[in-house]
Amino acid sequence: MVLHFNPNPGEPMTIACLWSHWTHASEPELYSFAAITDDPRAAILATGHTRCVISIRDENVREWLSPERATKERLEQILSARVTPYYEHRIAA
């Protein structure tokens, strides 16, 4: 079953992500990227999904994008102060 999730309110979301660039002399370059997830709200968990992306607040974006200027505790605060829309869902296929 394929589900379609639609955040309500339907505003643009800024998803917390991590990326890395790895190089090795005998291997091709590797760029990696991952969205940060957390335990889902009950409505998402009820559909069988065990993770949900973290959407950070607009006022924290600049700080999130400059992690060298923030402490680990501050970055965790940004993730904890997330935007938590209600995700409407329907069967898509």
Protein backbone atom coordinates (compact mmCIF):
# COMPACT_ATOMS: atom_id res chain seq x y z
CA MET A 1 0.00 0.00 0.00
CA VAL A 2 1.28 3.46 -0.90
CA LEU A 3 0.19 6.35 1.31
CA HIS A 4 0.26 10.05 0.47
CA PHE A 5 0.91 12.35 3.46
CA ASN A 6 -0.04 16.02 3.31
CA PRO A 7 1.00 18.34 6.16
CA ASN A 8 -1.73 20.58 7.50
CA PRO A 9 -1.26 23.50 7.47
CA GLY A 10 0.11 23.09 3.96
CA GLU A 11 3.01 25.52 4.29
CA PRO A 12 6.57 24.91 3.04
CA MET A 13 8.62 22.86 5.48
CA THR A 14 12.33 23.20 6.24
CA ILE A 15 13.54 19.67 6.90
CA ALA A 16 16.54 19.17 9.19
CA CYS A 17 19.23 17.30 7.25
CA LEU A 18 22.85 16.22 7.45
CA TRP A 19 25.23 15.87 4.55
CA SER A 20 28.79 14.72 4.05
CA HIS A 21 31.41 14.60 1.33
CA TRP A 22 33.77 11.63 1.47
CA THR A 23 36.90 11.09 -0.58
CA HIS A 24 39.52 8.36 -0.79
CA ALA A 25 42.41 8.09 -3.23
CA SER A 26 41.25 4.76 -4.69
CA GLU A 27 37.50 5.42 -4.64
CA PRO A 28 35.16 7.89 -6.38
CA GLU A 29 33.84 10.84 -4.42
CA LEU A 30 30.75 10.17 -2.35
CA TYR A 31 28.20 12.78 -1.38
CA SER A 32 25.68 11.59 1.19
CA PHE A 33 22.54 13.20 2.52
CA ALA A 34 19.97 12.20 5.14
CA ALA A 35 16.86 13.81 6.58
CA ILE A 36 16.75 13.71 10.37
CA THR A 37 13.77 11.79 11.70
CA ASP A 38 12.14 11.08 15.04
CA ASP A 39 9.32 9.01 16.44
CA PRO A 40 6.06 9.90 14.67
CA ARG A 41 2.86 11.26 16.14
CA ALA A 42 0.13 8.71 16.82
CA ALA A 43 -1.73 9.36 13.52
CA ILE A 44 1.38 8.51 11.47
CA LEU A 45 2.32 5.56 13.66
CA ALA A 46 -1.18 4.16 13.14
CA THR A 47 -0.45 3.91 9.38
CA GLY A 48 2.57 1.70 10.04
CA HIS A 49 5.27 4.35 9.64
CA THR A 50 7.79 4.33 12.47
CA ARG A 51 9.68 7.55 11.61
CA CYS A 52 8.79 11.14 10.69
CA VAL A 53 10.97 13.96 9.32
CA ILE A 54 11.80 16.87 11.61
CA SER A 55 10.79 20.29 10.30
CA ILE A 56 12.71 23.11 11.96
CA ARG A 57 11.33 26.58 12.63
CA ASP A 58 12.21 29.36 10.18
CA GLU A 59 13.90 31.41 12.90
CA ASN A 60 16.37 28.55 13.52
CA VAL A 61 17.43 27.85 9.93
CA ARG A 62 20.44 30.16 9.86
CA GLU A 63 21.77 28.70 13.12
CA TRP A 64 21.16 25.12 11.89
CA LEU A 65 23.13 25.87 8.73
CA SER A 66 26.09 27.17 10.79
CA PRO A 67 26.57 24.33 13.29
CA GLU A 68 30.18 25.28 14.00
CA ARG A 69 28.83 28.31 15.89
CA ALA A 70 26.39 26.31 18.06
CA THR A 71 26.81 23.84 20.87
CA LYS A 72 25.49 20.30 20.67
CA GLU A 73 22.89 21.26 23.26
CA ARG A 74 21.69 24.19 21.12
CA LEU A 75 21.38 22.00 18.03
CA GLU A 76 19.33 19.52 20.06
CA GLN A 77 17.11 22.43 21.22
CA ILE A 78 16.51 23.41 17.59
CA LEU A 79 15.42 19.85 16.79
CA SER A 80 13.18 19.75 19.87
CA ALA A 81 11.52 23.09 18.99
CA ARG A 82 10.28 21.60 15.72
CA VAL A 83 7.23 22.46 13.67
CA THR A 84 4.70 19.65 14.13
CA PRO A 85 1.96 19.79 11.51
CA TYR A 86 -0.86 17.30 11.42
CA TYR A 87 -0.28 14.91 8.51
CA GLU A 88 -3.45 14.11 6.63
CA HIS A 89 -3.05 10.90 4.66
CA ARG A 90 -4.82 8.87 2.00
CA ILE A 91 -4.15 5.73 0.04
CA ALA A 92 -2.28 6.77 -3.11
CA ALA A 93 -1.92 3.39 -4.83
